[in-house]
Amino acid sequence: MKKFINVVVIDDNEVVTSNMKKYFLSSEKINIQKIFKDGKTGLDYLINNATEYDIVIMDLLLPNIDGIAILEELNNKNISKTTIILSNYKDDYSVQRARSLGAAFYMLKPFSMESLEKRILDINKEYNAKVENANNYVELEISSMLHELGIPTHILGYQYLREGILYLYEHPRNYSLVTKDVYPAVAEKYDTTPQRVERAIRHAIEVSWVRGDLKLMESLFGNSIDFEKARPTNSEFLTTIADRLKINSKILIG
């Protein structure tokens, strides 16, 4: 199946959005998924459908909520998406503020659709390269962290923990659904049962609490559990490490 670059556009200039929609209608690589005329409606979509799109193209001057406020809110929600800013004017503050909030490029209106297309393709290629590097980093970092936490590679819990952490890293919305989603997903891959996955992970954590690097354990779990009295639950262990990796990989992607 062909993979499109799904683009959400937020701009109240109907001439611009109409031309954009027509130009990319026959594109084999870029799909204009949604077009919004006001900032509030666009922001609501971006927040509630974060896995459905790849790139955001938006003006800075928008009805209800402006482009800078949208970028700020996406940052507050920890939603990182490649963004291209469109604008009729260019001032140093707007450019710097947009870039500080993660905007990848700033284009002045009027612009040619050919230049926009090239920018989308270039940015997406660069982003995919960064994501691939980050994903390679994540897999290596999971193994390294589990090793430092004292979990032997030969026990089943090691493999299940590794897979469970990677699953949560790739599916952040499932953080509260470890029992419902993570255990069955890991069990299916290793042809076992969710109950056995849960027990093996629990055993691996118990081993870690005896053999692991105390400083690392305190830095990871000290704020979420009573380190002196209790081990982390399976969910705490999995989600805490996935969160740490998410933060580190986000820095790599930029």
Foldseek 3Di string as FASTA:
>chain_A
DQDAQEEEEEAQPPVVVVVLCVVCVPPSHYDDHYYHQADVVSLVCCLVPVVPHAEYEYEQDGPPHGPLRSLVVCVVSVRAHEYEYEYQDDDPVVVVSCVVSPHPYYYYPPDDSVVVVVVVVVVVVLLVVLVVVLVVVLLVVLVVQLVQLQQDPPFPLSVLLSQLLVVCLVVVVCLVPCLPPSLVVSCVVVVHHSVVNQVSVVVRQVSSLVGHDPVSCCVQCVVPDVNVPDGDHSSSVSNSSSVVSNVVSVVSSD
